Amino acid sequence: MSQPIRALASDTIAILGDADDLLSLYDEARIFVAPTQYAAGIPLKIIDACAHGVPVVCTSLLLRQLTWSDGVDVLSADSPEDFANRCASLYLEEDIWRGLRANALRRIETDYSRQTFRTSLERVIQ
């Protein structure tokens, strides 16, 4: 892990390396932050976090890839200041946290459930 990354660690922030199992981390997390600037395809990190009930702050790039809504399913930010503000509000404001969590879980069920995949696959095969 690089020195600048290690420098972010504090009494309240732990910087972790690679993890073999994310389940225990999701159980302990209040929010998931995805500041990705370059990406292609499906943002599986966000889908996985949301599927485990962890609300997300991500870049507008990832939001567009998901085709979800800012402020409804996840929070989106691009500048460091906006990221900090959106993370703080999601972390501190229970109503926002609960609403995003519930909406994201509904989106996971609608967009990524086994039944949704099965129906899409059957449609393609026929």
C-alpha atoms as a PDB file:
ATOM      1  CA  MET A   1       0.000   0.000   0.000  1.00  0.00           C
ATOM      2  CA  SER A   2       1.386   3.419  -0.954  1.00  0.00           C
ATOM      3  CA  GLN A   3       2.539   5.990   1.592  1.00  0.00           C
ATOM      4  CA  PRO A   4      -0.172   8.565   0.658  1.00  0.00           C
ATOM      5  CA  ILE A   5      -2.849   5.916   1.149  1.00  0.00           C
ATOM      6  CA  ARG A   6      -1.398   4.888   4.535  1.00  0.00           C
ATOM      7  CA  ALA A   7      -1.353   8.563   5.537  1.00  0.00           C
ATOM      8  CA  LEU A   8      -5.166   8.617   5.439  1.00  0.00           C
ATOM      9  CA  ALA A   9      -5.393   6.130   8.307  1.00  0.00           C
ATOM     10  CA  SER A  10      -6.472   7.507  11.675  1.00  0.00           C
ATOM     11  CA  ASP A  11      -8.235   6.459  14.852  1.00  0.00           C
ATOM     12  CA  THR A  12     -11.527   6.476  12.928  1.00  0.00           C
ATOM     13  CA  ILE A  13     -10.366   5.391   9.440  1.00  0.00           C
ATOM     14  CA  ALA A  14      -8.762   2.034   8.705  1.00  0.00           C
ATOM     15  CA  ILE A  15      -7.054   1.551   5.351  1.00  0.00           C
ATOM     16  CA  LEU A  16      -7.213  -2.121   4.390  1.00  0.00           C
ATOM     17  CA  GLY A  17      -5.387  -4.013   1.698  1.00  0.00           C
ATOM     18  CA  ASP A  18      -6.883  -6.838  -0.341  1.00  0.00           C
ATOM     19  CA  ALA A  19      -9.607  -8.793   1.446  1.00  0.00           C
ATOM     20  CA  ASP A  20     -10.501 -12.401   0.717  1.00  0.00           C
ATOM     21  CA  ASP A  21     -13.988 -12.049   2.198  1.00  0.00           C
ATOM     22  CA  LEU A  22     -15.968  -8.818   2.141  1.00  0.00           C
ATOM     23  CA  LEU A  23     -18.953 -10.044   4.166  1.00  0.00           C
ATOM     24  CA  SER A  24     -17.495  -9.136   7.542  1.00  0.00           C
ATOM     25  CA  LEU A  25     -16.484  -5.717   6.174  1.00  0.00           C
ATOM     26  CA  TYR A  26     -19.989  -5.078   4.846  1.00  0.00           C
ATOM     27  CA  ASP A  27     -21.392  -6.025   8.259  1.00  0.00           C
ATOM     28  CA  GLU A  28     -19.230  -3.336   9.871  1.00  0.00           C
ATOM     29  CA  ALA A  29     -19.628  -0.643   7.199  1.00  0.00           C
ATOM     30  CA  ARG A  30     -22.085   2.245   7.360  1.00  0.00           C
ATOM     31  CA  ILE A  31     -21.346   3.516   3.831  1.00  0.00           C
ATOM     32  CA  PHE A  32     -19.450   2.363   0.739  1.00  0.00           C
ATOM     33  CA  VAL A  33     -17.402   4.927  -1.196  1.00  0.00           C
ATOM     34  CA  ALA A  34     -16.551   4.369  -4.882  1.00  0.00           C
ATOM     35  CA  PRO A  35     -14.506   7.332  -6.181  1.00  0.00           C
ATOM     36  CA  THR A  36     -13.714   5.598  -9.472  1.00  0.00           C
ATOM     37  CA  GLN A  37     -12.749   7.997 -12.276  1.00  0.00           C
ATOM     38  CA  TYR A  38     -12.186   5.453 -15.050  1.00  0.00           C
ATOM     39  CA  ALA A  39     -14.383   2.411 -15.568  1.00  0.00           C
ATOM     40  CA  ALA A  40     -16.085   0.253 -18.153  1.00  0.00           C
ATOM     41  CA  GLY A  41     -18.906  -2.210 -17.895  1.00  0.00           C
ATOM     42  CA  ILE A  42     -21.033  -3.019 -14.894  1.00  0.00           C
ATOM     43  CA  PRO A  43     -19.873  -1.489 -11.575  1.00  0.00           C
ATOM     44  CA  LEU A  44     -20.001  -4.757  -9.637  1.00  0.00           C
ATOM     45  CA  LYS A  45     -18.462  -3.203  -6.500  1.00  0.00           C
ATOM     46  CA  ILE A  46     -21.482  -0.968  -6.098  1.00  0.00           C
ATOM     47  CA  ILE A  47     -23.951  -3.723  -6.863  1.00  0.00           C
ATOM     48  CA  ASP A  48     -22.288  -5.984  -4.300  1.00  0.00           C
ATOM     49  CA  ALA A  49     -22.236  -3.313  -1.587  1.00  0.00           C
ATOM     50  CA  CYS A  50     -25.879  -2.401  -2.201  1.00  0.00           C
ATOM     51  CA  ALA A  51     -26.896  -6.067  -2.240  1.00  0.00           C
ATOM     52  CA  HIS A  52     -25.413  -6.319   1.254  1.00  0.00           C
ATOM     53  CA  GLY A  53     -27.373  -3.289   2.447  1.00  0.00           C
ATOM     54  CA  VAL A  54     -24.539  -0.759   2.429  1.00  0.00           C
ATOM     55  CA  PRO A  55     -25.529   2.611   0.888  1.00  0.00           C
ATOM     56  CA  VAL A  56     -23.119   4.074  -1.665  1.00  0.00           C
ATOM     57  CA  VAL A  57     -21.481   7.352  -2.653  1.00  0.00           C
ATOM     58  CA  CYS A  58     -20.009   7.008  -6.146  1.00  0.00           C
ATOM     59  CA  THR A  59     -18.860   9.096  -9.097  1.00  0.00           C
ATOM     60  CA  SER A  60     -21.292  10.239 -11.783  1.00  0.00           C
ATOM     61  CA  LEU A  61     -19.495   7.863 -14.176  1.00  0.00           C
ATOM     62  CA  LEU A  62     -20.499   4.844 -12.100  1.00  0.00           C
ATOM     63  CA  LEU A  63     -23.998   6.247 -11.626  1.00  0.00           C
ATOM     64  CA  ARG A  64     -24.433   6.476 -15.420  1.00  0.00           C
ATOM     65  CA  GLN A  65     -23.229   2.899 -15.841  1.00  0.00           C
ATOM     66  CA  LEU A  66     -25.815   1.706 -13.348  1.00  0.00           C
ATOM     67  CA  THR A  67     -28.575   3.873 -14.843  1.00  0.00           C
ATOM     68  CA  TRP A  68     -29.756   4.518 -11.298  1.00  0.00           C
ATOM     69  CA  SER A  69     -30.729   7.896  -9.819  1.00  0.00           C
ATOM     70  CA  ASP A  70     -28.626  10.247  -7.714  1.00  0.00           C
ATOM     71  CA  GLY A  71     -30.271  10.914  -4.374  1.00  0.00           C
ATOM     72  CA  VAL A  72     -32.683   8.016  -4.849  1.00  0.00           C
ATOM     73  CA  ASP A  73     -30.611   4.830  -5.201  1.00  0.00           C
ATOM     74  CA  VAL A  74     -27.111   6.136  -4.413  1.00  0.00           C
ATOM     75  CA  LEU A  75     -25.419   9.492  -3.881  1.00  0.00           C
ATOM     76  CA  SER A  76     -23.131  10.814  -6.606  1.00  0.00           C
ATOM     77  CA  ALA A  77     -20.225  13.254  -6.415  1.00  0.00           C
ATOM     78  CA  ASP A  78     -17.180  14.099  -8.481  1.00  0.00           C
ATOM     79  CA  SER A  79     -15.159  16.773  -6.674  1.00  0.00           C
ATOM     80  CA  PRO A  80     -13.326  16.008  -3.422  1.00  0.00           C
ATOM     81  CA  GLU A  81     -15.477  18.557  -1.571  1.00  0.00           C
ATOM     82  CA  ASP A  82     -18.736  17.109  -2.899  1.00  0.00           C
ATOM     83  CA  PHE A  83     -17.569  13.586  -2.078  1.00  0.00           C
ATOM     84  CA  ALA A  84     -16.754  14.611   1.493  1.00  0.00           C
ATOM     85  CA  ASN A  85     -20.096  16.380   1.919  1.00  0.00           C
ATOM     86  CA  ARG A  86     -22.139  13.538   0.452  1.00  0.00           C
ATOM     87  CA  CYS A  87     -20.283  10.940   2.542  1.00  0.00           C
ATOM     88  CA  ALA A  88     -20.843  12.992   5.683  1.00  0.00           C
ATOM     89  CA  SER A  89     -24.554  13.456   5.033  1.00  0.00           C
ATOM     90  CA  LEU A  90     -25.040   9.766   4.232  1.00  0.00           C
ATOM     91  CA  TYR A  91     -23.109   8.737   7.311  1.00  0.00           C
ATOM     92  CA  LEU A  92     -24.832  11.158   9.686  1.00  0.00           C
ATOM     93  CA  GLU A  93     -28.414  11.505   8.420  1.00  0.00           C
ATOM     94  CA  GLU A  94     -30.422   8.409   9.283  1.00  0.00           C
ATOM     95  CA  ASP A  95     -33.353   9.238   6.964  1.00  0.00           C
ATOM     96  CA  ILE A  96     -31.075   9.580   3.940  1.00  0.00           C
ATOM     97  CA  TRP A  97     -29.214   6.401   4.893  1.00  0.00           C
ATOM     98  CA  ARG A  98     -32.408   4.349   5.318  1.00  0.00           C
ATOM     99  CA  GLY A  99     -33.982   5.685   2.119  1.00  0.00           C
ATOM    100  CA  LEU A 100     -30.952   4.993  -0.066  1.00  0.00           C
ATOM    101  CA  ARG A 101     -30.486   1.569   1.467  1.00  0.00           C
ATOM    102  CA  ALA A 102     -34.117   0.572   0.850  1.00  0.00           C
ATOM    103  CA  ASN A 103     -34.175   1.953  -2.696  1.00  0.00           C
ATOM    104  CA  ALA A 104     -30.873   0.311  -3.636  1.00  0.00           C
ATOM    105  CA  LEU A 105     -32.034  -3.051  -2.287  1.00  0.00           C
ATOM    106  CA  ARG A 106     -35.178  -2.725  -4.427  1.00  0.00           C
ATOM    107  CA  ARG A 107     -33.041  -1.896  -7.476  1.00  0.00           C
ATOM    108  CA  ILE A 108     -30.857  -4.956  -6.814  1.00  0.00           C
ATOM    109  CA  GLU A 109     -33.962  -7.149  -6.664  1.00  0.00           C
ATOM    110  CA  THR A 110     -35.391  -5.583  -9.825  1.00  0.00           C
ATOM    111  CA  ASP A 111     -32.219  -5.364 -11.910  1.00  0.00           C
ATOM    112  CA  TYR A 112     -29.982  -8.187 -10.645  1.00  0.00           C
ATOM    113  CA  SER A 113     -32.047 -10.928  -9.050  1.00  0.00           C
ATOM    114  CA  ARG A 114     -31.716 -14.529 -10.180  1.00  0.00           C
ATOM    115  CA  GLN A 115     -35.211 -14.340 -11.632  1.00  0.00           C
ATOM    116  CA  THR A 116     -34.320 -11.231 -13.637  1.00  0.00           C
ATOM    117  CA  PHE A 117     -31.241 -12.967 -15.039  1.00  0.00           C
ATOM    118  CA  ARG A 118     -33.235 -16.135 -15.760  1.00  0.00           C
ATOM    119  CA  THR A 119     -35.937 -14.185 -17.597  1.00  0.00           C
ATOM    120  CA  SER A 120     -33.349 -12.249 -19.628  1.00  0.00           C
ATOM    121  CA  LEU A 121     -31.474 -15.425 -20.507  1.00  0.00           C
ATOM    122  CA  GLU A 122     -34.650 -17.243 -21.539  1.00  0.00           C
ATOM    123  CA  ARG A 123     -35.616 -14.285 -23.738  1.00  0.00           C
ATOM    124  CA  VAL A 124     -32.210 -14.413 -25.484  1.00  0.00           C
ATOM    125  CA  ILE A 125     -32.227 -18.188 -25.954  1.00  0.00           C
ATOM    126  CA  GLN A 126     -35.713 -18.395 -27.458  1.00  0.00           C
END
